[in-house]
Amino acid sequence: MTNDKLSNSSWLSLLHQHRSIAVIRTSSPLLGRQMAQAVAQGGMSLIEITWNSHQAAELITQLRSELPTCIIGTGTILNQEQLQQAIAVGAQFLFTPHVDPKLIEFAVAKDVPIIPGALSPTEIITAWQAGASCVKVFPIQAVGGASYIKALQGPLHAIPLIPTGGVTLNNAQELITAGAIAVGLAGDLFPQTLIADHDWPAISQRAKSLRQRLIRC
């Protein structure tokens, strides 16, 4: 899928299909590019470049060109200026660490899926009612992991949830089984030792292993 914009229904369909998002935060555009290429080689198609990465805008533009079969978005968006800049450079989805109805409304008006970060049921419902495509539950491991996602399913089962913050290759499947539509992985997908060694085949293998585990969910 290579079009500039995704409808919410298309975005949700991609989440159901792929089940995982690679989250890249880096101080080096070259490393960010190599990290993205490595997970793409391993079969991951949804890639987030955090906006607080060095030269995030340029990296997003570059990856949109170099990885045309992937969906490249951004995260750690804190305000409307950053939101506008991210949309302008081609970010195809937007994560925020918080719930701001004005940011949600702006992204909805621009037809770009936005996924606000929330923790409590009140925050999750507030984000959903403001027009969020789905809601990021962060930091998931700090509040019980899969058991928390499962507990939310009773009252909030209609709201698609993406847990992040402490998601690993080992617990990702459990989170999906508990009711999450997808998961976001950062540190465990990109171990610092592998990055330091530039062991991109090993990171590709981690991405492939994750995909194989989640494809069964």
N, C-alpha and C. Protein backbone atom coordinates (compact mmCIF):
# COMPACT_ATOMS: atom_id res chain seq x y z
N MET A 1 0.85 -1.19 0.00
CA MET A 1 0.00 0.00 0.00
C MET A 1 0.88 1.23 0.00
N THR A 2 0.83 2.05 -1.03
CA THR A 2 1.79 3.13 -1.17
C THR A 2 1.14 4.51 -1.26
N ASN A 3 -0.19 4.62 -1.13
CA ASN A 3 -0.82 5.93 -1.22
C ASN A 3 -0.42 6.79 -0.03
N ASP A 4 -0.54 8.12 -0.22
CA ASP A 4 -0.08 9.05 0.80
C ASP A 4 -0.90 8.97 2.07
N LYS A 5 -2.20 8.75 1.95
CA LYS A 5 -3.05 8.79 3.12
C LYS A 5 -3.78 7.48 3.32
N LEU A 6 -4.04 7.17 4.59
CA LEU A 6 -4.77 5.96 4.95
C LEU A 6 -6.08 6.36 5.61
N SER A 7 -7.16 5.72 5.21
CA SER A 7 -8.39 5.89 5.95
C SER A 7 -8.26 5.13 7.26
N ASN A 8 -9.10 5.46 8.23
CA ASN A 8 -9.06 4.73 9.50
C ASN A 8 -9.33 3.25 9.29
N SER A 9 -10.25 2.93 8.39
CA SER A 9 -10.57 1.52 8.16
C SER A 9 -9.39 0.79 7.54
N SER A 10 -8.67 1.45 6.62
CA SER A 10 -7.48 0.83 6.03
C SER A 10 -6.38 0.64 7.07
N TRP A 11 -6.22 1.63 7.94
CA TRP A 11 -5.23 1.55 9.01
C TRP A 11 -5.54 0.40 9.95
N LEU A 12 -6.80 0.27 10.35
CA LEU A 12 -7.18 -0.82 11.25
C LEU A 12 -6.99 -2.18 10.57
N SER A 13 -7.26 -2.23 9.27
CA SER A 13 -7.04 -3.47 8.52
C SER A 13 -5.57 -3.84 8.51
N LEU A 14 -4.68 -2.86 8.34
CA LEU A 14 -3.25 -3.12 8.37
C LEU A 14 -2.80 -3.60 9.75
N LEU A 15 -3.35 -3.02 10.80
CA LEU A 15 -3.01 -3.46 12.15
C LEU A 15 -3.43 -4.90 12.37
N HIS A 16 -4.63 -5.26 11.92
CA HIS A 16 -5.10 -6.64 12.04
C HIS A 16 -4.19 -7.59 11.26
N GLN A 17 -3.72 -7.15 10.12
CA GLN A 17 -2.90 -8.00 9.26
C GLN A 17 -1.49 -8.18 9.82
N HIS A 18 -0.89 -7.10 10.30
CA HIS A 18 0.53 -7.15 10.67
C HIS A 18 0.77 -7.31 12.17
N ARG A 19 -0.12 -6.78 12.99
CA ARG A 19 -0.12 -6.99 14.44
C ARG A 19 1.03 -6.34 15.20
N SER A 20 2.00 -5.74 14.51
CA SER A 20 3.14 -5.17 15.23
C SER A 20 3.67 -3.95 14.50
N ILE A 21 4.21 -3.01 15.30
CA ILE A 21 4.81 -1.79 14.78
C ILE A 21 6.23 -1.70 15.32
N ALA A 22 7.17 -1.47 14.44
CA ALA A 22 8.56 -1.26 14.86
C ALA A 22 8.74 0.21 15.22
N VAL A 23 9.17 0.48 16.44
CA VAL A 23 9.33 1.86 16.92
C VAL A 23 10.82 2.19 16.97
N ILE A 24 11.22 3.17 16.16
CA ILE A 24 12.63 3.53 16.03
C ILE A 24 12.86 4.92 16.62
N ARG A 25 13.73 4.97 17.60
CA ARG A 25 14.18 6.25 18.18
C ARG A 25 15.70 6.24 18.13
N THR A 26 16.29 7.20 17.42
CA THR A 26 17.73 7.16 17.22
C THR A 26 18.31 8.57 17.09
N SER A 27 19.56 8.71 17.45
CA SER A 27 20.26 9.98 17.30
C SER A 27 21.02 10.05 15.98
N SER A 28 20.93 8.99 15.19
CA SER A 28 21.66 8.94 13.92
C SER A 28 20.71 8.58 12.78
N PRO A 29 20.53 9.46 11.81
CA PRO A 29 19.67 9.14 10.66
C PRO A 29 20.12 7.88 9.93
N LEU A 30 21.44 7.68 9.83
CA LEU A 30 21.93 6.49 9.15
C LEU A 30 21.53 5.23 9.91
N LEU A 31 21.70 5.24 11.23
CA LEU A 31 21.27 4.09 12.02
C LEU A 31 19.77 3.88 11.90
N GLY A 32 19.01 4.96 11.91
CA GLY A 32 17.56 4.83 11.78
C GLY A 32 17.18 4.18 10.46
N ARG A 33 17.86 4.58 9.42
CA ARG A 33 17.61 3.99 8.10
C ARG A 33 17.95 2.50 8.10
N GLN A 34 19.09 2.16 8.69
CA GLN A 34 19.50 0.76 8.73
C GLN A 34 18.57 -0.08 9.59
N MET A 35 18.12 0.49 10.70
CA MET A 35 17.17 -0.22 11.57
C MET A 35 15.86 -0.49 10.83
N ALA A 36 15.37 0.51 10.12
CA ALA A 36 14.12 0.35 9.37
C ALA A 36 14.27 -0.69 8.26
N GLN A 37 15.38 -0.63 7.55
CA GLN A 37 15.61 -1.60 6.48
C GLN A 37 15.72 -3.02 7.04
N ALA A 38 16.31 -3.15 8.23
CA ALA A 38 16.48 -4.47 8.83
C ALA A 38 15.13 -5.09 9.18
N VAL A 39 14.26 -4.33 9.81
CA VAL A 39 12.96 -4.92 10.18
C VAL A 39 12.09 -5.14 8.95
N ALA A 40 12.23 -4.26 7.96
CA ALA A 40 11.49 -4.48 6.71
C ALA A 40 11.94 -5.77 6.05
N GLN A 41 13.24 -6.02 6.08
CA GLN A 41 13.78 -7.27 5.54
C GLN A 41 13.22 -8.47 6.29
N GLY A 42 12.92 -8.29 7.57
CA GLY A 42 12.35 -9.36 8.38
C GLY A 42 10.84 -9.50 8.24
N GLY A 43 10.23 -8.66 7.42
CA GLY A 43 8.81 -8.81 7.14
C GLY A 43 7.90 -7.83 7.83
N MET A 44 8.44 -6.89 8.61
CA MET A 44 7.59 -5.90 9.27
C MET A 44 7.32 -4.75 8.31
N SER A 45 6.07 -4.31 8.25
CA SER A 45 5.69 -3.28 7.29
C SER A 45 5.25 -1.98 7.93
N LEU A 46 5.01 -1.97 9.23
CA LEU A 46 4.57 -0.76 9.93
C LEU A 46 5.73 -0.24 10.76
N ILE A 47 6.23 0.92 10.42
CA ILE A 47 7.44 1.46 11.04
C ILE A 47 7.19 2.88 11.54
N GLU A 48 7.47 3.10 12.81
CA GLU A 48 7.33 4.42 13.41
C GLU A 48 8.71 5.01 13.67
N ILE A 49 8.92 6.22 13.17
CA ILE A 49 10.13 6.99 13.49
C ILE A 49 9.71 8.06 14.50
N THR A 50 10.21 7.98 15.72
CA THR A 50 9.79 8.97 16.71
C THR A 50 10.27 10.36 16.30
N TRP A 51 9.42 11.35 16.57
CA TRP A 51 9.70 12.71 16.11
C TRP A 51 10.91 13.30 16.83
N ASN A 52 11.26 12.75 18.00
CA ASN A 52 12.44 13.24 18.70
C ASN A 52 13.72 12.52 18.28
N SER A 53 13.64 11.72 17.22
CA SER A 53 14.86 11.19 16.60
C SER A 53 15.56 12.32 15.84
N HIS A 54 16.88 12.20 15.69
CA HIS A 54 17.64 13.23 14.98
C HIS A 54 17.25 13.23 13.50
N GLN A 55 16.87 14.40 13.00
CA GLN A 55 16.46 14.56 11.60
C GLN A 55 15.32 13.61 11.23
N ALA A 56 14.33 13.55 12.11
CA ALA A 56 13.21 12.63 11.90
C ALA A 56 12.47 12.93 10.60
N ALA A 57 12.26 14.20 10.30
CA ALA A 57 11.52 14.56 9.10
C ALA A 57 12.21 14.04 7.84
N GLU A 58 13.52 14.26 7.76
CA GLU A 58 14.27 13.79 6.60
C GLU A 58 14.27 12.27 6.51
N LEU A 59 14.35 11.61 7.66
CA LEU A 59 14.37 10.15 7.68
C LEU A 59 13.03 9.58 7.21
N ILE A 60 11.94 10.18 7.64
CA ILE A 60 10.62 9.72 7.20
C ILE A 60 10.49 9.85 5.69
N THR A 61 10.89 11.01 5.16
CA THR A 61 10.81 11.23 3.72
C THR A 61 11.66 10.21 2.96
N GLN A 62 12.85 9.94 3.47
CA GLN A 62 13.75 8.99 2.82
C GLN A 62 13.16 7.57 2.83
N LEU A 63 12.63 7.17 3.98
CA LEU A 63 12.08 5.82 4.08
C LEU A 63 10.82 5.65 3.25
N ARG A 64 10.03 6.70 3.14
CA ARG A 64 8.85 6.61 2.27
C ARG A 64 9.27 6.27 0.84
N SER A 65 10.43 6.80 0.43
CA SER A 65 10.93 6.54 -0.92
C SER A 65 11.59 5.18 -1.04
N GLU A 66 12.40 4.82 -0.02
CA GLU A 66 13.20 3.60 -0.09
C GLU A 66 12.42 2.33 0.25
N LEU A 67 11.38 2.47 1.04
CA LEU A 67 10.58 1.31 1.46
C LEU A 67 9.12 1.51 1.05
N PRO A 68 8.84 1.50 -0.25
CA PRO A 68 7.50 1.84 -0.73
C PRO A 68 6.41 0.87 -0.31
N THR A 69 6.78 -0.35 0.08
CA THR A 69 5.76 -1.31 0.51
C THR A 69 5.48 -1.21 2.00
N CYS A 70 6.24 -0.38 2.71
CA CYS A 70 6.02 -0.18 4.14
C CYS A 70 5.16 1.06 4.40
N ILE A 71 4.57 1.10 5.57
CA ILE A 71 3.83 2.26 6.03
C ILE A 71 4.69 2.95 7.07
N ILE A 72 5.07 4.19 6.80
CA ILE A 72 6.00 4.92 7.65
C ILE A 72 5.25 6.03 8.39
N GLY A 73 5.26 5.95 9.71
CA GLY A 73 4.61 6.98 10.51
C GLY A 73 5.56 7.56 11.53
N THR A 74 5.01 8.33 12.44
CA THR A 74 5.85 8.94 13.46
C THR A 74 5.16 8.91 14.81
N GLY A 75 5.93 9.20 15.85
CA GLY A 75 5.40 9.19 17.20
C GLY A 75 6.08 10.23 18.07
N THR A 76 5.69 10.28 19.33
CA THR A 76 6.18 11.28 20.28
C THR A 76 5.87 12.69 19.77
N ILE A 77 4.70 12.83 19.16
CA ILE A 77 4.21 14.14 18.73
C ILE A 77 3.58 14.84 19.93
N LEU A 78 4.06 16.04 20.25
CA LEU A 78 3.64 16.72 21.48
C LEU A 78 2.73 17.91 21.24
N ASN A 79 2.77 18.51 20.05
CA ASN A 79 1.99 19.72 19.83
C ASN A 79 1.59 19.83 18.37
N GLN A 80 0.79 20.86 18.07
CA GLN A 80 0.24 20.99 16.72
C GLN A 80 1.31 21.34 15.70
N GLU A 81 2.31 22.10 16.08
CA GLU A 81 3.38 22.43 15.15
C GLU A 81 4.09 21.16 14.68
N GLN A 82 4.42 20.28 15.61
CA GLN A 82 5.06 19.02 15.24
C GLN A 82 4.12 18.17 14.39
N LEU A 83 2.84 18.18 14.73
CA LEU A 83 1.85 17.41 13.98
C LEU A 83 1.79 17.88 12.53
N GLN A 84 1.74 19.18 12.34
CA GLN A 84 1.69 19.73 10.99
C GLN A 84 2.95 19.39 10.20
N GLN A 85 4.10 19.49 10.86
CA GLN A 85 5.36 19.18 10.19
C GLN A 85 5.41 17.71 9.79
N ALA A 86 4.97 16.83 10.68
CA ALA A 86 5.00 15.40 10.40
C ALA A 86 4.10 15.04 9.22
N ILE A 87 2.92 15.63 9.18
CA ILE A 87 2.01 15.37 8.07
C ILE A 87 2.61 15.92 6.77
N ALA A 88 3.25 17.09 6.85
CA ALA A 88 3.81 17.72 5.66
C ALA A 88 4.91 16.88 5.02
N VAL A 89 5.68 16.13 5.84
CA VAL A 89 6.78 15.33 5.28
C VAL A 89 6.34 13.92 4.92
N GLY A 90 5.06 13.61 5.10
CA GLY A 90 4.55 12.34 4.62
C GLY A 90 4.32 11.25 5.65
N ALA A 91 4.34 11.60 6.94
CA ALA A 91 4.05 10.57 7.95
C ALA A 91 2.64 10.03 7.72
N GLN A 92 2.50 8.71 7.68
CA GLN A 92 1.23 8.09 7.32
C GLN A 92 0.37 7.72 8.52
N PHE A 93 0.95 7.76 9.71
CA PHE A 93 0.19 7.62 10.94
C PHE A 93 0.93 8.38 12.02
N LEU A 94 0.21 8.73 13.09
CA LEU A 94 0.75 9.63 14.12
C LEU A 94 0.46 9.09 15.51
N PHE A 95 1.50 8.90 16.31
CA PHE A 95 1.34 8.53 17.71
C PHE A 95 1.66 9.74 18.59
N THR A 96 0.87 9.93 19.62
CA THR A 96 1.20 10.92 20.65
C THR A 96 1.29 10.19 21.98
N PRO A 97 2.07 10.71 22.94
CA PRO A 97 2.16 10.05 24.24
C PRO A 97 1.04 10.44 25.19
N HIS A 98 0.12 11.29 24.72
CA HIS A 98 -0.91 11.84 25.60
C HIS A 98 -2.20 12.04 24.81
N VAL A 99 -3.26 12.41 25.53
CA VAL A 99 -4.55 12.68 24.91
C VAL A 99 -4.76 14.19 24.83
N ASP A 100 -4.82 14.70 23.62
CA ASP A 100 -5.10 16.12 23.37
C ASP A 100 -6.17 16.18 22.29
N PRO A 101 -7.43 16.44 22.66
CA PRO A 101 -8.52 16.44 21.68
C PRO A 101 -8.26 17.36 20.48
N LYS A 102 -7.57 18.48 20.68
CA LYS A 102 -7.30 19.40 19.58
C LYS A 102 -6.37 18.75 18.55
N LEU A 103 -5.36 18.02 19.02
CA LEU A 103 -4.46 17.32 18.10
C LEU A 103 -5.21 16.23 17.35
N ILE A 104 -6.06 15.52 18.06
CA ILE A 104 -6.84 14.46 17.43
C ILE A 104 -7.73 15.04 16.34
N GLU A 105 -8.43 16.11 16.65
CA GLU A 105 -9.33 16.74 15.69
C GLU A 105 -8.57 17.24 14.47
N PHE A 106 -7.38 17.80 14.68
CA PHE A 106 -6.58 18.30 13.56
C PHE A 106 -6.17 17.16 12.63
N ALA A 107 -5.69 16.06 13.21
CA ALA A 107 -5.27 14.91 12.40
C ALA A 107 -6.45 14.31 11.64
N VAL A 108 -7.59 14.22 12.31
CA VAL A 108 -8.79 13.68 11.66
C VAL A 108 -9.17 14.54 10.46
N ALA A 109 -9.08 15.86 10.62
CA ALA A 109 -9.41 16.77 9.53
C ALA A 109 -8.46 16.60 8.35
N LYS A 110 -7.24 16.16 8.62
CA LYS A 110 -6.24 15.94 7.58
C LYS A 110 -6.25 14.51 7.05
N ASP A 111 -7.18 13.69 7.56
CA ASP A 111 -7.32 12.29 7.12
C ASP A 111 -6.07 11.46 7.37
N VAL A 112 -5.41 11.70 8.52
CA VAL A 112 -4.25 10.89 8.92
C VAL A 112 -4.59 10.19 10.22
N PRO A 113 -4.48 8.87 10.28
CA PRO A 113 -4.80 8.15 11.53
C PRO A 113 -3.93 8.64 12.68
N ILE A 114 -4.55 8.92 13.81
CA ILE A 114 -3.83 9.35 14.99
C ILE A 114 -4.11 8.40 16.14
N ILE A 115 -3.07 8.06 16.87
CA ILE A 115 -3.17 7.09 17.96
C ILE A 115 -2.63 7.76 19.23
N PRO A 116 -3.50 8.34 20.05
CA PRO A 116 -3.04 8.99 21.27
C PRO A 116 -2.65 7.98 22.33
N GLY A 117 -1.72 8.39 23.19
CA GLY A 117 -1.33 7.56 24.31
C GLY A 117 -2.22 7.81 25.51
N ALA A 118 -2.69 6.75 26.14
CA ALA A 118 -3.59 6.84 27.29
C ALA A 118 -3.29 5.70 28.23
N LEU A 119 -3.80 5.80 29.44
CA LEU A 119 -3.58 4.74 30.41
C LEU A 119 -4.88 4.33 31.10
N SER A 120 -5.60 5.30 31.63
CA SER A 120 -6.82 4.98 32.37
C SER A 120 -8.00 4.80 31.41
N PRO A 121 -9.06 4.11 31.86
CA PRO A 121 -10.26 4.02 31.03
C PRO A 121 -10.81 5.38 30.62
N THR A 122 -10.76 6.35 31.52
CA THR A 122 -11.25 7.69 31.19
C THR A 122 -10.46 8.29 30.04
N GLU A 123 -9.13 8.19 30.09
CA GLU A 123 -8.30 8.72 29.02
C GLU A 123 -8.56 7.99 27.70
N ILE A 124 -8.69 6.68 27.76
CA ILE A 124 -8.93 5.89 26.55
C ILE A 124 -10.25 6.30 25.90
N ILE A 125 -11.30 6.43 26.68
CA ILE A 125 -12.60 6.81 26.15
C ILE A 125 -12.57 8.24 25.62
N THR A 126 -11.89 9.14 26.32
CA THR A 126 -11.77 10.52 25.86
C THR A 126 -11.11 10.58 24.49
N ALA A 127 -10.03 9.83 24.31
CA ALA A 127 -9.33 9.80 23.02
C ALA A 127 -10.22 9.24 21.92
N TRP A 128 -10.92 8.18 22.23
CA TRP A 128 -11.79 7.52 21.25
C TRP A 128 -12.94 8.44 20.83
N GLN A 129 -13.55 9.08 21.79
CA GLN A 129 -14.68 9.97 21.49
C GLN A 129 -14.24 11.20 20.71
N ALA A 130 -12.97 11.58 20.86
CA ALA A 130 -12.45 12.74 20.11
C ALA A 130 -12.15 12.40 18.66
N GLY A 131 -12.16 11.11 18.32
CA GLY A 131 -11.95 10.70 16.93
C GLY A 131 -10.71 9.90 16.65
N ALA A 132 -10.01 9.44 17.69
CA ALA A 132 -8.81 8.64 17.48
C ALA A 132 -9.13 7.36 16.72
N SER A 133 -8.21 6.94 15.86
CA SER A 133 -8.42 5.70 15.10
C SER A 133 -8.33 4.49 16.01
N CYS A 134 -7.47 4.57 17.00
CA CYS A 134 -7.30 3.57 18.04
C CYS A 134 -6.49 4.26 19.14
N VAL A 135 -6.19 3.55 20.20
CA VAL A 135 -5.55 4.20 21.35
C VAL A 135 -4.33 3.40 21.77
N LYS A 136 -3.24 4.12 22.01
CA LYS A 136 -2.02 3.50 22.54
C LYS A 136 -2.13 3.42 24.06
N VAL A 137 -1.94 2.23 24.61
CA VAL A 137 -1.95 2.06 26.06
C VAL A 137 -0.49 1.99 26.51
N PHE A 138 -0.09 3.04 27.26
CA PHE A 138 1.33 3.22 27.58
C PHE A 138 1.46 3.81 28.98
N PRO A 139 2.43 3.30 29.77
CA PRO A 139 3.35 2.17 29.55
C PRO A 139 2.73 0.88 30.06
N ILE A 140 2.52 -0.08 29.19
CA ILE A 140 1.70 -1.24 29.51
C ILE A 140 2.30 -2.13 30.60
N GLN A 141 3.61 -2.34 30.60
CA GLN A 141 4.18 -3.24 31.60
C GLN A 141 4.12 -2.67 33.01
N ALA A 142 4.05 -1.37 33.12
CA ALA A 142 3.97 -0.73 34.43
C ALA A 142 2.62 -0.94 35.11
N VAL A 143 1.62 -1.35 34.34
CA VAL A 143 0.28 -1.52 34.91
C VAL A 143 -0.26 -2.94 34.76
N GLY A 144 0.63 -3.91 34.55
CA GLY A 144 0.20 -5.29 34.56
C GLY A 144 0.24 -6.03 33.25
N GLY A 145 0.65 -5.36 32.17
CA GLY A 145 0.80 -6.07 30.90
C GLY A 145 -0.51 -6.61 30.35
N ALA A 146 -0.47 -7.86 29.93
CA ALA A 146 -1.63 -8.48 29.29
C ALA A 146 -2.86 -8.51 30.20
N SER A 147 -2.65 -8.65 31.49
CA SER A 147 -3.79 -8.70 32.41
C SER A 147 -4.57 -7.38 32.38
N TYR A 148 -3.87 -6.26 32.20
CA TYR A 148 -4.54 -4.96 32.13
C TYR A 148 -5.33 -4.84 30.83
N ILE A 149 -4.75 -5.27 29.71
CA ILE A 149 -5.47 -5.24 28.43
C ILE A 149 -6.71 -6.11 28.51
N LYS A 150 -6.57 -7.29 29.13
CA LYS A 150 -7.72 -8.19 29.26
C LYS A 150 -8.81 -7.57 30.13
N ALA A 151 -8.42 -6.88 31.21
CA ALA A 151 -9.39 -6.26 32.10
C ALA A 151 -10.16 -5.14 31.41
N LEU A 152 -9.53 -4.48 30.43
CA LEU A 152 -10.19 -3.39 29.71
C LEU A 152 -11.21 -3.90 28.69
N GLN A 153 -11.12 -5.16 28.31
CA GLN A 153 -11.95 -5.66 27.23
C GLN A 153 -13.44 -5.64 27.56
N GLY A 154 -13.80 -5.88 28.82
CA GLY A 154 -15.21 -5.87 29.18
C GLY A 154 -15.89 -4.56 28.83
N PRO A 155 -15.47 -3.46 29.44
CA PRO A 155 -16.14 -2.19 29.15
C PRO A 155 -15.69 -1.50 27.87
N LEU A 156 -14.48 -1.81 27.38
CA LEU A 156 -13.92 -1.04 26.27
C LEU A 156 -13.58 -1.89 25.06
N HIS A 157 -14.26 -3.02 24.89
CA HIS A 157 -13.88 -3.96 23.84
C HIS A 157 -14.00 -3.38 22.43
N ALA A 158 -14.82 -2.34 22.26
CA ALA A 158 -15.02 -1.77 20.94
C ALA A 158 -13.90 -0.83 20.52
N ILE A 159 -13.00 -0.49 21.46
CA ILE A 159 -11.93 0.46 21.17
C ILE A 159 -10.64 -0.31 20.88
N PRO A 160 -10.09 -0.19 19.68
CA PRO A 160 -8.84 -0.89 19.36
C PRO A 160 -7.68 -0.32 20.18
N LEU A 161 -6.92 -1.20 20.83
CA LEU A 161 -5.84 -0.79 21.72
C LEU A 161 -4.49 -1.30 21.22
N ILE A 162 -3.47 -0.44 21.31
CA ILE A 162 -2.11 -0.80 20.93
C ILE A 162 -1.20 -0.59 22.14
N PRO A 163 -0.89 -1.64 22.89
CA PRO A 163 0.03 -1.47 24.03
C PRO A 163 1.47 -1.25 23.58
N THR A 164 2.16 -0.36 24.29
CA THR A 164 3.58 -0.13 24.09
C THR A 164 4.20 0.11 25.46
N GLY A 165 5.53 0.13 25.49
CA GLY A 165 6.22 0.36 26.76
C GLY A 165 6.43 -0.92 27.52
N GLY A 166 7.51 -1.63 27.18
CA GLY A 166 7.77 -2.91 27.81
C GLY A 166 7.29 -4.11 27.02
N VAL A 167 6.88 -3.90 25.77
CA VAL A 167 6.49 -5.02 24.91
C VAL A 167 7.75 -5.71 24.40
N THR A 168 7.76 -7.03 24.46
CA THR A 168 8.91 -7.82 24.03
C THR A 168 8.47 -8.90 23.05
N LEU A 169 9.47 -9.56 22.44
CA LEU A 169 9.14 -10.68 21.58
C LEU A 169 8.42 -11.77 22.36
N ASN A 170 8.73 -11.90 23.64
CA ASN A 170 8.15 -12.97 24.45
C ASN A 170 6.74 -12.68 24.93
N ASN A 171 6.39 -11.40 25.14
CA ASN A 171 5.04 -11.13 25.65
C ASN A 171 4.09 -10.55 24.61
N ALA A 172 4.58 -10.31 23.40
CA ALA A 172 3.73 -9.69 22.37
C ALA A 172 2.50 -10.54 22.06
N GLN A 173 2.70 -11.84 21.91
CA GLN A 173 1.58 -12.71 21.56
C GLN A 173 0.54 -12.73 22.68
N GLU A 174 0.99 -12.70 23.92
CA GLU A 174 0.07 -12.69 25.06
C GLU A 174 -0.79 -11.42 25.05
N LEU A 175 -0.20 -10.30 24.68
CA LEU A 175 -0.95 -9.04 24.62
C LEU A 175 -2.00 -9.07 23.52
N ILE A 176 -1.66 -9.65 22.37
CA ILE A 176 -2.64 -9.79 21.29
C ILE A 176 -3.77 -10.71 21.71
N THR A 177 -3.42 -11.83 22.33
CA THR A 177 -4.43 -12.78 22.79
C THR A 177 -5.36 -12.14 23.82
N ALA A 178 -4.82 -11.22 24.62
CA ALA A 178 -5.61 -10.54 25.64
C ALA A 178 -6.58 -9.53 25.06
N GLY A 179 -6.41 -9.18 23.77
CA GLY A 179 -7.37 -8.29 23.13
C GLY A 179 -6.79 -7.11 22.38
N ALA A 180 -5.47 -6.91 22.42
CA ALA A 180 -4.87 -5.79 21.69
C ALA A 180 -4.96 -6.02 20.18
N ILE A 181 -5.17 -4.96 19.44
CA ILE A 181 -5.21 -5.09 17.98
C ILE A 181 -3.82 -5.23 17.40
N ALA A 182 -2.83 -4.63 18.08
CA ALA A 182 -1.43 -4.70 17.65
C ALA A 182 -0.56 -4.27 18.82
N VAL A 183 0.74 -4.40 18.66
CA VAL A 183 1.69 -3.99 19.70
C VAL A 183 2.79 -3.15 19.06
N GLY A 184 3.39 -2.28 19.86
CA GLY A 184 4.54 -1.51 19.41
C GLY A 184 5.78 -1.93 20.17
N LEU A 185 6.87 -2.22 19.44
CA LEU A 185 8.11 -2.67 20.08
C LEU A 185 9.25 -1.74 19.71
N ALA A 186 10.07 -1.44 20.71
CA ALA A 186 11.25 -0.61 20.50
C ALA A 186 12.49 -1.33 20.96
N GLY A 187 12.82 -1.21 22.25
CA GLY A 187 14.09 -1.72 22.76
C GLY A 187 14.32 -3.20 22.55
N ASP A 188 13.31 -4.03 22.73
CA ASP A 188 13.52 -5.47 22.61
C ASP A 188 13.67 -5.90 21.16
N LEU A 189 13.13 -5.10 20.25
CA LEU A 189 13.29 -5.42 18.83
C LEU A 189 14.66 -4.97 18.33
N PHE A 190 15.19 -3.94 18.98
CA PHE A 190 16.48 -3.37 18.59
C PHE A 190 17.45 -3.37 19.77
N PRO A 191 17.95 -4.52 20.18
CA PRO A 191 18.90 -4.55 21.30
C PRO A 191 20.13 -3.69 21.01
N GLN A 192 20.56 -2.92 21.99
CA GLN A 192 21.67 -2.00 21.79
C GLN A 192 22.96 -2.72 21.37
N THR A 193 23.14 -3.94 21.86
CA THR A 193 24.36 -4.68 21.48
C THR A 193 24.36 -4.99 19.99
N LEU A 194 23.19 -5.33 19.45
CA LEU A 194 23.11 -5.63 18.02
C LEU A 194 23.30 -4.37 17.18
N ILE A 195 22.75 -3.26 17.64
CA ILE A 195 22.92 -2.00 16.92
C ILE A 195 24.39 -1.57 16.94
N ALA A 196 25.02 -1.70 18.10
CA ALA A 196 26.43 -1.32 18.22
C ALA A 196 27.31 -2.15 17.29
N ASP A 197 26.92 -3.41 17.11
CA ASP A 197 27.69 -4.30 16.23
C ASP A 197 27.25 -4.21 14.77
N HIS A 198 26.22 -3.40 14.51
CA HIS A 198 25.65 -3.30 13.16
C HIS A 198 25.24 -4.68 12.65
N ASP A 199 24.67 -5.46 13.55
CA ASP A 199 24.26 -6.82 13.19
C ASP A 199 22.82 -6.78 12.68
N TRP A 200 22.66 -6.23 11.49
CA TRP A 200 21.33 -6.07 10.92
C TRP A 200 20.66 -7.40 10.59
N PRO A 201 21.38 -8.43 10.16
CA PRO A 201 20.71 -9.73 9.95
C PRO A 201 20.07 -10.27 11.22
N ALA A 202 20.71 -10.05 12.37
CA ALA A 202 20.13 -10.52 13.63
C ALA A 202 18.85 -9.77 13.96
N ILE A 203 18.82 -8.47 13.68
CA ILE A 203 17.60 -7.70 13.91
C ILE A 203 16.52 -8.12 12.93
N SER A 204 16.90 -8.39 11.69
CA SER A 204 15.93 -8.91 10.72
C SER A 204 15.33 -10.22 11.20
N GLN A 205 16.15 -11.06 11.79
CA GLN A 205 15.67 -12.35 12.31
C GLN A 205 14.71 -12.14 13.48
N ARG A 206 14.98 -11.15 14.32
CA ARG A 206 14.07 -10.86 15.43
C ARG A 206 12.71 -10.39 14.89
N ALA A 207 12.75 -9.56 13.86
CA ALA A 207 11.50 -9.11 13.24
C ALA A 207 10.74 -10.28 12.63
N LYS A 208 11.46 -11.15 11.97
CA LYS A 208 10.83 -12.33 11.35
C LYS A 208 10.22 -13.24 12.41
N SER A 209 10.94 -13.45 13.50
CA SER A 209 10.44 -14.28 14.60
C SER A 209 9.17 -13.68 15.20
N LEU A 210 9.17 -12.37 15.39
CA LEU A 210 7.98 -11.71 15.92
C LEU A 210 6.79 -11.89 14.99
N ARG A 211 7.01 -11.68 13.71
CA ARG A 211 5.93 -11.85 12.73
C ARG A 211 5.38 -13.26 12.76
N GLN A 212 6.26 -14.25 12.85
CA GLN A 212 5.82 -15.64 12.87
C GLN A 212 4.98 -15.95 14.10
N ARG A 213 5.35 -15.36 15.24
CA ARG A 213 4.57 -15.58 16.46
C ARG A 213 3.20 -14.94 16.37
N LEU A 214 3.15 -13.73 15.81
CA LEU A 214 1.89 -12.99 15.82
C LEU A 214 0.96 -13.37 14.68
N ILE A 215 1.51 -13.95 13.62
CA ILE A 215 0.67 -14.33 12.49
C ILE A 215 -0.36 -15.38 12.89
N ARG A 216 -0.06 -16.09 13.99
CA ARG A 216 -0.97 -17.14 14.44
C ARG A 216 -2.10 -16.59 15.32
N CYS A 217 -1.99 -15.32 15.70
CA CYS A 217 -3.00 -14.74 16.60
C CYS A 217 -4.29 -14.39 15.85
